[in-house]
Amino acid sequence: MNLPDIPHCAVYAIIGRPNVGKSTLLNHLVGQKISITSRKPQTTRYRVNGIVQHGATQLVFADTPGWQRQPQGRMHKLMNQQIEQAMQDIDGVLFVIDATQWRTEDEALAESVQQFKGPRFLVINKIDRLPRRDTLLPLIDDLTRRFAFDGVFPVCALQREDLAPLRDALAARAPARPYLFDPDQVTDRPERFVAAELIREKLARQLGAELPYATHVAVERFEDREGITHIDAVIWVEKPGQKAIVIGVGGQRIKQIGSAARLDIERMLGRRVFLKTWVKVKGKWTEDPSAMGIFGASNGS
């Protein structure tokens, strides 16, 4: 008689400076897009948990905003606080760096990671951008000489390369205990939160440097009717000029943003979506604690 496998479960925080590919890594570890990505630094604002079943082991990955060595403004300080919170009640850390560049922010964060008493894994991402793979060896030698890690994993998260050994190593260190989430879940965030984030991703991707970080997407209605999900979303900006940028000439830009977001939301939900968006102005909301509290809770986050 074969006994059932004993359940194991571990929570790993994914940390690193902005733009090293933390959210891309999370999405491909999970096998589904749950954390938004763009080339614009600090796209991730909120902790997002991704859930993976690896045999009898449940792996929970906490994606975090890019760490700021000297955070400027209330929003960046709150993003750093989310990283600090994510470091509590976890079993291990995935410290993600960019294979092509080691910065002072990486150095400071690596020193901070050493204070964590549990398993620490170094994930060297974007190895596909190296002119030669053998240039990794001096970097690995230097970092493992100066810092203590329980494993080093060079990967290309975007191309899903070399992720299997990382999953295996993380599962091997997971303690025996009940699962934290239903095995069918891929994230702990509600669908309306992910929908709002997908809209914000399209803003970041289409507008790039044209628009600062003073944008927020609030889903005001998320309702299923006759097999169609109806979503009403408000895009908040700080200045009238920013509103004009988002809307675009003749409303073309907001249409493009809405269309691209709708397709991603439909893929996430597996059903048709009717998406309506508006753009509204609220001055300096990123420095207003009450406004940030309202916005943070508006999507069930």
C-alpha atoms as a PDB file:
ATOM      1  CA  MET A   1       0.000   0.000   0.000  1.00  0.00           C
ATOM      2  CA  ASN A   2       1.442   3.337  -1.074  1.00  0.00           C
ATOM      3  CA  LEU A   3       1.132   6.077   1.482  1.00  0.00           C
ATOM      4  CA  PRO A   4       0.241   9.566   0.177  1.00  0.00           C
ATOM      5  CA  ASP A   5       3.067  12.064  -0.097  1.00  0.00           C
ATOM      6  CA  ILE A   6       3.468  14.286   2.945  1.00  0.00           C
ATOM      7  CA  PRO A   7       2.616  17.888   2.023  1.00  0.00           C
ATOM      8  CA  HIS A   8       5.424  20.417   2.157  1.00  0.00           C
ATOM      9  CA  CYS A   9       5.075  24.170   1.860  1.00  0.00           C
ATOM     10  CA  ALA A  10       7.489  27.087   1.717  1.00  0.00           C
ATOM     11  CA  VAL A  11       7.210  30.839   1.220  1.00  0.00           C
ATOM     12  CA  TYR A  12      10.026  32.569  -0.651  1.00  0.00           C
ATOM     13  CA  ALA A  13      10.409  36.327  -1.009  1.00  0.00           C
ATOM     14  CA  ILE A  14      11.724  37.498  -4.392  1.00  0.00           C
ATOM     15  CA  ILE A  15      13.788  40.635  -3.811  1.00  0.00           C
ATOM     16  CA  GLY A  16      16.150  42.788  -5.837  1.00  0.00           C
ATOM     17  CA  ARG A  17      16.632  46.289  -7.145  1.00  0.00           C
ATOM     18  CA  PRO A  18      14.317  47.625  -9.882  1.00  0.00           C
ATOM     19  CA  ASN A  19      14.412  46.100 -13.367  1.00  0.00           C
ATOM     20  CA  VAL A  20      16.300  42.892 -12.624  1.00  0.00           C
ATOM     21  CA  GLY A  21      13.327  40.768 -13.743  1.00  0.00           C
ATOM     22  CA  LYS A  22      11.657  39.766 -10.480  1.00  0.00           C
ATOM     23  CA  SER A  23       8.103  39.886 -11.858  1.00  0.00           C
ATOM     24  CA  THR A  24       9.083  38.065 -15.051  1.00  0.00           C
ATOM     25  CA  LEU A  25      10.700  35.369 -12.907  1.00  0.00           C
ATOM     26  CA  LEU A  26       7.562  35.035 -10.794  1.00  0.00           C
ATOM     27  CA  ASN A  27       5.266  34.781 -13.820  1.00  0.00           C
ATOM     28  CA  HIS A  28       7.321  32.034 -15.418  1.00  0.00           C
ATOM     29  CA  LEU A  29       7.787  30.117 -12.174  1.00  0.00           C
ATOM     30  CA  VAL A  30       4.002  30.128 -11.768  1.00  0.00           C
ATOM     31  CA  GLY A  31       3.307  29.572 -15.470  1.00  0.00           C
ATOM     32  CA  GLN A  32       0.810  32.409 -15.679  1.00  0.00           C
ATOM     33  CA  LYS A  33       0.944  36.201 -15.741  1.00  0.00           C
ATOM     34  CA  ILE A  34       0.021  37.469 -12.292  1.00  0.00           C
ATOM     35  CA  SER A  35       2.561  40.277 -11.825  1.00  0.00           C
ATOM     36  CA  ILE A  36       2.903  43.058 -14.376  1.00  0.00           C
ATOM     37  CA  THR A  37       6.116  43.845 -16.203  1.00  0.00           C
ATOM     38  CA  SER A  38       7.597  46.651 -18.255  1.00  0.00           C
ATOM     39  CA  ARG A  39      10.986  48.167 -19.004  1.00  0.00           C
ATOM     40  CA  LYS A  40      10.080  51.094 -16.764  1.00  0.00           C
ATOM     41  CA  PRO A  41      11.704  50.732 -13.314  1.00  0.00           C
ATOM     42  CA  GLN A  42       9.462  50.376 -10.249  1.00  0.00           C
ATOM     43  CA  THR A  43       6.516  49.054 -12.249  1.00  0.00           C
ATOM     44  CA  THR A  44       5.710  46.664  -9.387  1.00  0.00           C
ATOM     45  CA  ARG A  45       4.157  48.562  -6.468  1.00  0.00           C
ATOM     46  CA  TYR A  46       2.502  45.865  -4.411  1.00  0.00           C
ATOM     47  CA  ARG A  47       3.451  42.497  -3.003  1.00  0.00           C
ATOM     48  CA  VAL A  48       1.919  39.763  -5.141  1.00  0.00           C
ATOM     49  CA  ASN A  49       2.005  36.106  -4.094  1.00  0.00           C
ATOM     50  CA  GLY A  50       2.352  33.461  -6.787  1.00  0.00           C
ATOM     51  CA  ILE A  51       1.486  29.851  -5.930  1.00  0.00           C
ATOM     52  CA  VAL A  52       3.048  26.775  -7.551  1.00  0.00           C
ATOM     53  CA  GLN A  53       2.384  23.078  -6.960  1.00  0.00           C
ATOM     54  CA  HIS A  54       5.622  21.124  -7.351  1.00  0.00           C
ATOM     55  CA  GLY A  55       4.664  17.523  -6.722  1.00  0.00           C
ATOM     56  CA  ALA A  56       3.581  17.294  -3.083  1.00  0.00           C
ATOM     57  CA  THR A  57       5.180  20.663  -2.354  1.00  0.00           C
ATOM     58  CA  GLN A  58       3.487  24.043  -2.519  1.00  0.00           C
ATOM     59  CA  LEU A  59       5.825  26.928  -3.306  1.00  0.00           C
ATOM     60  CA  VAL A  60       4.597  30.443  -2.540  1.00  0.00           C
ATOM     61  CA  PHE A  61       6.568  33.288  -4.119  1.00  0.00           C
ATOM     62  CA  ALA A  62       6.182  36.824  -2.816  1.00  0.00           C
ATOM     63  CA  ASP A  63       7.028  39.259  -5.616  1.00  0.00           C
ATOM     64  CA  THR A  64       8.061  42.632  -4.202  1.00  0.00           C
ATOM     65  CA  PRO A  65       8.686  46.145  -5.547  1.00  0.00           C
ATOM     66  CA  GLY A  66      12.210  47.082  -6.557  1.00  0.00           C
ATOM     67  CA  TRP A  67      14.237  48.033  -3.487  1.00  0.00           C
ATOM     68  CA  GLN A  68      15.186  51.718  -3.208  1.00  0.00           C
ATOM     69  CA  ARG A  69      18.428  52.518  -1.426  1.00  0.00           C
ATOM     70  CA  GLN A  70      17.354  56.140  -0.886  1.00  0.00           C
ATOM     71  CA  PRO A  71      13.577  56.207  -1.419  1.00  0.00           C
ATOM     72  CA  GLN A  72      12.176  59.554  -2.529  1.00  0.00           C
ATOM     73  CA  GLY A  73       8.577  60.374  -1.690  1.00  0.00           C
ATOM     74  CA  ARG A  74       5.860  58.581   0.211  1.00  0.00           C
ATOM     75  CA  MET A  75       5.131  55.983  -2.469  1.00  0.00           C
ATOM     76  CA  HIS A  76       8.726  54.733  -2.710  1.00  0.00           C
ATOM     77  CA  LYS A  77       8.940  54.545   1.084  1.00  0.00           C
ATOM     78  CA  LEU A  78       5.768  52.461   1.161  1.00  0.00           C
ATOM     79  CA  MET A  79       7.208  50.188  -1.534  1.00  0.00           C
ATOM     80  CA  ASN A  80      10.303  49.602   0.614  1.00  0.00           C
ATOM     81  CA  GLN A  81       8.054  48.862   3.580  1.00  0.00           C
ATOM     82  CA  GLN A  82       6.341  46.134   1.559  1.00  0.00           C
ATOM     83  CA  ILE A  83       9.723  44.490   1.030  1.00  0.00           C
ATOM     84  CA  GLU A  84      10.413  44.611   4.773  1.00  0.00           C
ATOM     85  CA  GLN A  85       6.997  43.077   5.471  1.00  0.00           C
ATOM     86  CA  ALA A  86       7.588  40.355   2.879  1.00  0.00           C
ATOM     87  CA  MET A  87      10.794  39.373   4.719  1.00  0.00           C
ATOM     88  CA  GLN A  88       8.739  38.443   7.767  1.00  0.00           C
ATOM     89  CA  ASP A  89       7.199  34.986   8.151  1.00  0.00           C
ATOM     90  CA  ILE A  90       9.009  33.537   5.138  1.00  0.00           C
ATOM     91  CA  ASP A  91      11.117  30.424   4.723  1.00  0.00           C
ATOM     92  CA  GLY A  92      13.692  31.667   2.234  1.00  0.00           C
ATOM     93  CA  VAL A  93      14.884  34.473  -0.021  1.00  0.00           C
ATOM     94  CA  LEU A  94      15.507  34.649  -3.750  1.00  0.00           C
ATOM     95  CA  PHE A  95      17.932  37.499  -4.298  1.00  0.00           C
ATOM     96  CA  VAL A  96      17.686  38.412  -7.994  1.00  0.00           C
ATOM     97  CA  ILE A  97      20.390  40.334  -9.838  1.00  0.00           C
ATOM     98  CA  ASP A  98      21.066  41.309 -13.450  1.00  0.00           C
ATOM     99  CA  ALA A  99      23.910  39.266 -14.950  1.00  0.00           C
ATOM    100  CA  THR A 100      25.108  42.244 -16.961  1.00  0.00           C
ATOM    101  CA  GLN A 101      25.543  44.771 -14.167  1.00  0.00           C
ATOM    102  CA  TRP A 102      26.284  44.815 -10.432  1.00  0.00           C
ATOM    103  CA  ARG A 103      25.386  48.122  -8.798  1.00  0.00           C
ATOM    104  CA  THR A 104      25.768  49.749  -5.402  1.00  0.00           C
ATOM    105  CA  GLU A 105      22.092  48.968  -4.750  1.00  0.00           C
ATOM    106  CA  ASP A 106      22.839  45.271  -5.279  1.00  0.00           C
ATOM    107  CA  GLU A 107      25.748  45.474  -2.847  1.00  0.00           C
ATOM    108  CA  ALA A 108      23.640  47.088  -0.124  1.00  0.00           C
ATOM    109  CA  LEU A 109      20.776  44.657  -0.606  1.00  0.00           C
ATOM    110  CA  ALA A 110      23.124  41.646  -0.640  1.00  0.00           C
ATOM    111  CA  GLU A 111      24.492  42.733   2.738  1.00  0.00           C
ATOM    112  CA  SER A 112      20.931  43.056   4.049  1.00  0.00           C
ATOM    113  CA  VAL A 113      20.009  39.584   2.773  1.00  0.00           C
ATOM    114  CA  GLN A 114      22.854  38.121   4.828  1.00  0.00           C
ATOM    115  CA  GLN A 115      20.920  39.012   7.974  1.00  0.00           C
ATOM    116  CA  PHE A 116      18.191  36.533   7.028  1.00  0.00           C
ATOM    117  CA  LYS A 117      18.670  33.266   8.915  1.00  0.00           C
ATOM    118  CA  GLY A 118      16.878  30.948   6.491  1.00  0.00           C
ATOM    119  CA  PRO A 119      17.904  29.654   3.036  1.00  0.00           C
ATOM    120  CA  ARG A 120      19.256  32.340   0.702  1.00  0.00           C
ATOM    121  CA  PHE A 121      19.394  31.731  -3.028  1.00  0.00           C
ATOM    122  CA  LEU A 122      21.156  33.919  -5.567  1.00  0.00           C
ATOM    123  CA  VAL A 123      19.346  34.114  -8.916  1.00  0.00           C
ATOM    124  CA  ILE A 124      21.448  35.647 -11.692  1.00  0.00           C
ATOM    125  CA  ASN A 125      18.942  36.681 -14.347  1.00  0.00           C
ATOM    126  CA  LYS A 126      19.286  37.841 -17.978  1.00  0.00           C
ATOM    127  CA  ILE A 127      22.204  35.543 -18.767  1.00  0.00           C
ATOM    128  CA  ASP A 128      21.082  35.637 -22.414  1.00  0.00           C
ATOM    129  CA  ARG A 129      22.408  39.205 -22.593  1.00  0.00           C
ATOM    130  CA  LEU A 130      25.973  38.206 -21.816  1.00  0.00           C
ATOM    131  CA  PRO A 131      28.358  38.144 -24.803  1.00  0.00           C
ATOM    132  CA  ARG A 132      29.835  34.892 -23.417  1.00  0.00           C
ATOM    133  CA  ARG A 133      28.476  32.617 -20.701  1.00  0.00           C
ATOM    134  CA  ASP A 134      31.934  32.059 -19.224  1.00  0.00           C
ATOM    135  CA  THR A 135      31.914  35.661 -17.975  1.00  0.00           C
ATOM    136  CA  LEU A 136      29.509  34.404 -15.291  1.00  0.00           C
ATOM    137  CA  LEU A 137      32.233  32.475 -13.517  1.00  0.00           C
ATOM    138  CA  PRO A 138      34.187  35.477 -12.138  1.00  0.00           C
ATOM    139  CA  LEU A 139      30.921  37.076 -10.982  1.00  0.00           C
ATOM    140  CA  ILE A 140      29.770  33.916  -9.208  1.00  0.00           C
ATOM    141  CA  ASP A 141      33.206  33.412  -7.659  1.00  0.00           C
ATOM    142  CA  ASP A 142      33.301  36.982  -6.349  1.00  0.00           C
ATOM    143  CA  LEU A 143      29.779  36.965  -4.898  1.00  0.00           C
ATOM    144  CA  THR A 144      30.020  33.537  -3.253  1.00  0.00           C
ATOM    145  CA  ARG A 145      33.348  34.533  -1.737  1.00  0.00           C
ATOM    146  CA  ARG A 146      31.886  37.668  -0.153  1.00  0.00           C
ATOM    147  CA  PHE A 147      28.348  36.501   0.602  1.00  0.00           C
ATOM    148  CA  ALA A 148      26.843  33.239   1.842  1.00  0.00           C
ATOM    149  CA  PHE A 149      24.194  31.645  -0.399  1.00  0.00           C
ATOM    150  CA  ASP A 150      22.618  28.194  -0.253  1.00  0.00           C
ATOM    151  CA  GLY A 151      22.505  28.000  -4.031  1.00  0.00           C
ATOM    152  CA  VAL A 152      23.364  30.018  -7.138  1.00  0.00           C
ATOM    153  CA  PHE A 153      21.141  29.794 -10.223  1.00  0.00           C
ATOM    154  CA  PRO A 154      21.938  31.548 -13.502  1.00  0.00           C
ATOM    155  CA  VAL A 155      18.672  31.855 -15.462  1.00  0.00           C
ATOM    156  CA  CYS A 156      16.951  33.638 -18.293  1.00  0.00           C
ATOM    157  CA  ALA A 157      13.490  34.178 -16.829  1.00  0.00           C
ATOM    158  CA  LEU A 158      12.137  35.774 -20.014  1.00  0.00           C
ATOM    159  CA  GLN A 159      12.968  32.677 -22.080  1.00  0.00           C
ATOM    160  CA  ARG A 160      12.098  30.283 -19.217  1.00  0.00           C
ATOM    161  CA  GLU A 161      15.641  28.893 -19.296  1.00  0.00           C
ATOM    162  CA  ASP A 162      17.078  26.923 -16.363  1.00  0.00           C
ATOM    163  CA  LEU A 163      14.074  27.417 -14.081  1.00  0.00           C
ATOM    164  CA  ALA A 164      13.524  23.698 -13.360  1.00  0.00           C
ATOM    165  CA  PRO A 165      16.680  23.294 -11.212  1.00  0.00           C
ATOM    166  CA  LEU A 166      15.647  26.370  -9.238  1.00  0.00           C
ATOM    167  CA  ARG A 167      12.164  24.963  -8.541  1.00  0.00           C
ATOM    168  CA  ASP A 168      13.691  21.625  -7.510  1.00  0.00           C
ATOM    169  CA  ALA A 169      16.107  23.275  -5.082  1.00  0.00           C
ATOM    170  CA  LEU A 170      13.392  25.404  -3.516  1.00  0.00           C
ATOM    171  CA  ALA A 171      11.076  22.433  -3.112  1.00  0.00           C
ATOM    172  CA  ALA A 172      13.875  20.404  -1.510  1.00  0.00           C
ATOM    173  CA  ARG A 173      14.202  23.017   1.258  1.00  0.00           C
ATOM    174  CA  ALA A 174      10.462  23.279   1.949  1.00  0.00           C
ATOM    175  CA  PRO A 175       9.386  22.143   5.441  1.00  0.00           C
ATOM    176  CA  ALA A 176       6.712  19.500   5.968  1.00  0.00           C
ATOM    177  CA  ARG A 177       3.477  21.297   6.796  1.00  0.00           C
ATOM    178  CA  PRO A 178      -0.043  21.870   5.377  1.00  0.00           C
ATOM    179  CA  TYR A 179      -0.538  23.992   2.297  1.00  0.00           C
ATOM    180  CA  LEU A 180      -1.272  27.678   2.802  1.00  0.00           C
ATOM    181  CA  PHE A 181      -3.523  27.918  -0.263  1.00  0.00           C
ATOM    182  CA  ASP A 182      -5.821  25.764  -2.344  1.00  0.00           C
ATOM    183  CA  PRO A 183      -3.668  23.793  -4.821  1.00  0.00           C
ATOM    184  CA  ASP A 184      -5.694  25.219  -7.721  1.00  0.00           C
ATOM    185  CA  GLN A 185      -4.829  28.822  -6.835  1.00  0.00           C
ATOM    186  CA  VAL A 186      -2.081  30.659  -8.717  1.00  0.00           C
ATOM    187  CA  THR A 187      -2.223  33.876  -6.663  1.00  0.00           C
ATOM    188  CA  ASP A 188      -3.752  35.212  -3.473  1.00  0.00           C
ATOM    189  CA  ARG A 189      -4.822  38.424  -5.194  1.00  0.00           C
ATOM    190  CA  PRO A 190      -8.445  38.805  -6.366  1.00  0.00           C
ATOM    191  CA  GLU A 191      -9.199  38.919 -10.091  1.00  0.00           C
ATOM    192  CA  ARG A 192     -10.158  42.599  -9.961  1.00  0.00           C
ATOM    193  CA  PHE A 193      -6.724  43.469  -8.537  1.00  0.00           C
ATOM    194  CA  VAL A 194      -4.925  41.621 -11.331  1.00  0.00           C
ATOM    195  CA  ALA A 195      -7.226  43.279 -13.896  1.00  0.00           C
ATOM    196  CA  ALA A 196      -6.324  46.742 -12.559  1.00  0.00           C
ATOM    197  CA  GLU A 197      -2.629  45.881 -12.649  1.00  0.00           C
ATOM    198  CA  LEU A 198      -2.869  44.686 -16.257  1.00  0.00           C
ATOM    199  CA  ILE A 199      -4.357  48.037 -17.237  1.00  0.00           C
ATOM    200  CA  ARG A 200      -1.550  49.835 -15.397  1.00  0.00           C
ATOM    201  CA  GLU A 201       0.986  47.670 -17.197  1.00  0.00           C
ATOM    202  CA  LYS A 202      -0.327  48.874 -20.568  1.00  0.00           C
ATOM    203  CA  LEU A 203      -0.028  52.460 -19.345  1.00  0.00           C
ATOM    204  CA  ALA A 204       3.624  51.909 -18.432  1.00  0.00           C
ATOM    205  CA  ARG A 205       4.419  50.119 -21.667  1.00  0.00           C
ATOM    206  CA  GLN A 206       2.713  52.526 -24.045  1.00  0.00           C
ATOM    207  CA  LEU A 207       3.614  55.794 -22.355  1.00  0.00           C
ATOM    208  CA  GLY A 208       7.114  54.989 -21.107  1.00  0.00           C
ATOM    209  CA  ALA A 209       8.937  58.196 -20.195  1.00  0.00           C
ATOM    210  CA  GLU A 210       5.974  60.379 -21.205  1.00  0.00           C
ATOM    211  CA  LEU A 211       4.164  59.746 -17.943  1.00  0.00           C
ATOM    212  CA  PRO A 212       5.651  59.722 -14.426  1.00  0.00           C
ATOM    213  CA  TYR A 213       4.717  57.241 -11.728  1.00  0.00           C
ATOM    214  CA  ALA A 214       1.772  59.342 -10.572  1.00  0.00           C
ATOM    215  CA  THR A 215      -0.822  56.979 -12.059  1.00  0.00           C
ATOM    216  CA  HIS A 216      -3.169  54.535 -10.415  1.00  0.00           C
ATOM    217  CA  VAL A 217      -5.907  52.264 -11.732  1.00  0.00           C
ATOM    218  CA  ALA A 218      -9.004  51.667  -9.611  1.00  0.00           C
ATOM    219  CA  VAL A 219     -11.587  49.078 -10.657  1.00  0.00           C
ATOM    220  CA  GLU A 220     -14.989  50.443  -9.668  1.00  0.00           C
ATOM    221  CA  ARG A 221     -17.110  47.639 -11.113  1.00  0.00           C
ATOM    222  CA  PHE A 222     -16.280  43.981 -11.736  1.00  0.00           C
ATOM    223  CA  GLU A 223     -19.432  42.065 -12.583  1.00  0.00           C
ATOM    224  CA  ASP A 224     -20.221  38.856 -14.475  1.00  0.00           C
ATOM    225  CA  ARG A 225     -23.365  38.892 -16.600  1.00  0.00           C
ATOM    226  CA  GLU A 226     -24.363  36.223 -19.126  1.00  0.00           C
ATOM    227  CA  GLY A 227     -20.824  34.924 -19.583  1.00  0.00           C
ATOM    228  CA  ILE A 228     -19.256  38.379 -19.970  1.00  0.00           C
ATOM    229  CA  THR A 229     -17.254  40.198 -17.302  1.00  0.00           C
ATOM    230  CA  HIS A 230     -18.059  43.917 -17.222  1.00  0.00           C
ATOM    231  CA  ILE A 231     -15.244  46.066 -15.815  1.00  0.00           C
ATOM    232  CA  ASP A 232     -15.329  49.809 -15.146  1.00  0.00           C
ATOM    233  CA  ALA A 233     -11.887  51.229 -14.372  1.00  0.00           C
ATOM    234  CA  VAL A 234     -10.661  54.724 -13.507  1.00  0.00           C
ATOM    235  CA  ILE A 235      -7.120  55.808 -14.349  1.00  0.00           C
ATOM    236  CA  TRP A 236      -6.013  58.431 -11.840  1.00  0.00           C
ATOM    237  CA  VAL A 237      -3.313  60.992 -12.683  1.00  0.00           C
ATOM    238  CA  GLU A 238      -2.004  64.067 -10.863  1.00  0.00           C
ATOM    239  CA  LYS A 239      -2.241  66.783 -13.543  1.00  0.00           C
ATOM    240  CA  PRO A 240      -4.609  67.764 -16.377  1.00  0.00           C
ATOM    241  CA  GLY A 241      -1.693  67.550 -18.814  1.00  0.00           C
ATOM    242  CA  GLN A 242      -1.155  63.928 -17.825  1.00  0.00           C
ATOM    243  CA  LYS A 243      -4.816  63.218 -18.481  1.00  0.00           C
ATOM    244  CA  ALA A 244      -4.416  64.543 -22.015  1.00  0.00           C
ATOM    245  CA  ILE A 245      -1.386  62.302 -22.541  1.00  0.00           C
ATOM    246  CA  VAL A 246      -3.276  59.184 -21.431  1.00  0.00           C
ATOM    247  CA  ILE A 247      -6.305  59.971 -23.585  1.00  0.00           C
ATOM    248  CA  GLY A 248      -4.249  60.876 -26.655  1.00  0.00           C
ATOM    249  CA  VAL A 249      -5.333  62.631 -29.847  1.00  0.00           C
ATOM    250  CA  GLY A 250      -8.967  61.838 -30.543  1.00  0.00           C
ATOM    251  CA  GLY A 251      -8.970  59.324 -27.686  1.00  0.00           C
ATOM    252  CA  GLN A 252      -6.784  56.905 -29.651  1.00  0.00           C
ATOM    253  CA  ARG A 253      -4.254  56.192 -26.917  1.00  0.00           C
ATOM    254  CA  ILE A 254      -6.785  55.296 -24.231  1.00  0.00           C
ATOM    255  CA  LYS A 255      -8.479  53.021 -26.784  1.00  0.00           C
ATOM    256  CA  GLN A 256      -5.188  51.245 -27.482  1.00  0.00           C
ATOM    257  CA  ILE A 257      -4.473  50.865 -23.764  1.00  0.00           C
ATOM    258  CA  GLY A 258      -7.959  49.509 -23.121  1.00  0.00           C
ATOM    259  CA  SER A 259      -7.841  47.093 -26.044  1.00  0.00           C
ATOM    260  CA  ALA A 260      -4.446  45.641 -25.054  1.00  0.00           C
ATOM    261  CA  ALA A 261      -5.515  45.330 -21.405  1.00  0.00           C
ATOM    262  CA  ARG A 262      -8.813  43.669 -22.334  1.00  0.00           C
ATOM    263  CA  LEU A 263      -7.031  40.922 -24.276  1.00  0.00           C
ATOM    264  CA  ASP A 264      -4.768  40.124 -21.317  1.00  0.00           C
ATOM    265  CA  ILE A 265      -7.683  40.167 -18.880  1.00  0.00           C
ATOM    266  CA  GLU A 266      -9.638  37.808 -21.135  1.00  0.00           C
ATOM    267  CA  ARG A 267      -6.686  35.408 -21.197  1.00  0.00           C
ATOM    268  CA  MET A 268      -6.513  35.572 -17.403  1.00  0.00           C
ATOM    269  CA  LEU A 269     -10.235  35.012 -16.837  1.00  0.00           C
ATOM    270  CA  GLY A 270     -10.878  32.641 -19.731  1.00  0.00           C
ATOM    271  CA  ARG A 271     -13.998  34.534 -20.798  1.00  0.00           C
ATOM    272  CA  ARG A 272     -15.109  37.628 -22.690  1.00  0.00           C
ATOM    273  CA  VAL A 273     -14.571  41.044 -21.105  1.00  0.00           C
ATOM    274  CA  PHE A 274     -16.284  44.377 -21.682  1.00  0.00           C
ATOM    275  CA  LEU A 275     -13.892  47.046 -20.386  1.00  0.00           C
ATOM    276  CA  LYS A 276     -14.686  50.743 -19.954  1.00  0.00           C
ATOM    277  CA  THR A 277     -12.039  53.211 -18.778  1.00  0.00           C
ATOM    278  CA  TRP A 278     -12.040  56.842 -17.634  1.00  0.00           C
ATOM    279  CA  VAL A 279      -9.208  59.200 -16.741  1.00  0.00           C
ATOM    280  CA  LYS A 280      -9.538  61.456 -13.684  1.00  0.00           C
ATOM    281  CA  VAL A 281      -7.245  63.975 -11.985  1.00  0.00           C
ATOM    282  CA  LYS A 282      -6.340  64.149  -8.280  1.00  0.00           C
ATOM    283  CA  GLY A 283      -3.435  66.439  -7.486  1.00  0.00           C
ATOM    284  CA  LYS A 284      -0.419  65.045  -5.600  1.00  0.00           C
ATOM    285  CA  TRP A 285      -2.222  61.870  -4.586  1.00  0.00           C
ATOM    286  CA  THR A 286       1.118  60.049  -4.174  1.00  0.00           C
ATOM    287  CA  GLU A 287       1.925  62.278  -1.180  1.00  0.00           C
ATOM    288  CA  ASP A 288      -1.568  62.116   0.336  1.00  0.00           C
ATOM    289  CA  PRO A 289      -1.797  59.285   2.923  1.00  0.00           C
ATOM    290  CA  SER A 290      -5.601  59.222   2.823  1.00  0.00           C
ATOM    291  CA  ALA A 291      -5.689  59.068  -0.974  1.00  0.00           C
ATOM    292  CA  MET A 292      -3.055  56.345  -1.102  1.00  0.00           C
ATOM    293  CA  GLY A 293      -5.000  54.355   1.467  1.00  0.00           C
ATOM    294  CA  ILE A 294      -8.166  54.607  -0.609  1.00  0.00           C
ATOM    295  CA  PHE A 295      -6.377  53.727  -3.816  1.00  0.00           C
ATOM    296  CA  GLY A 296      -4.542  50.836  -2.213  1.00  0.00           C
ATOM    297  CA  ALA A 297      -7.787  49.305  -1.010  1.00  0.00           C
ATOM    298  CA  SER A 298      -9.815  50.061  -4.146  1.00  0.00           C
ATOM    299  CA  ASN A 299      -8.976  46.792  -5.876  1.00  0.00           C
ATOM    300  CA  GLY A 300      -9.118  44.587  -2.827  1.00  0.00           C
ATOM    301  CA  SER A 301      -5.345  44.872  -2.357  1.00  0.00           C
END
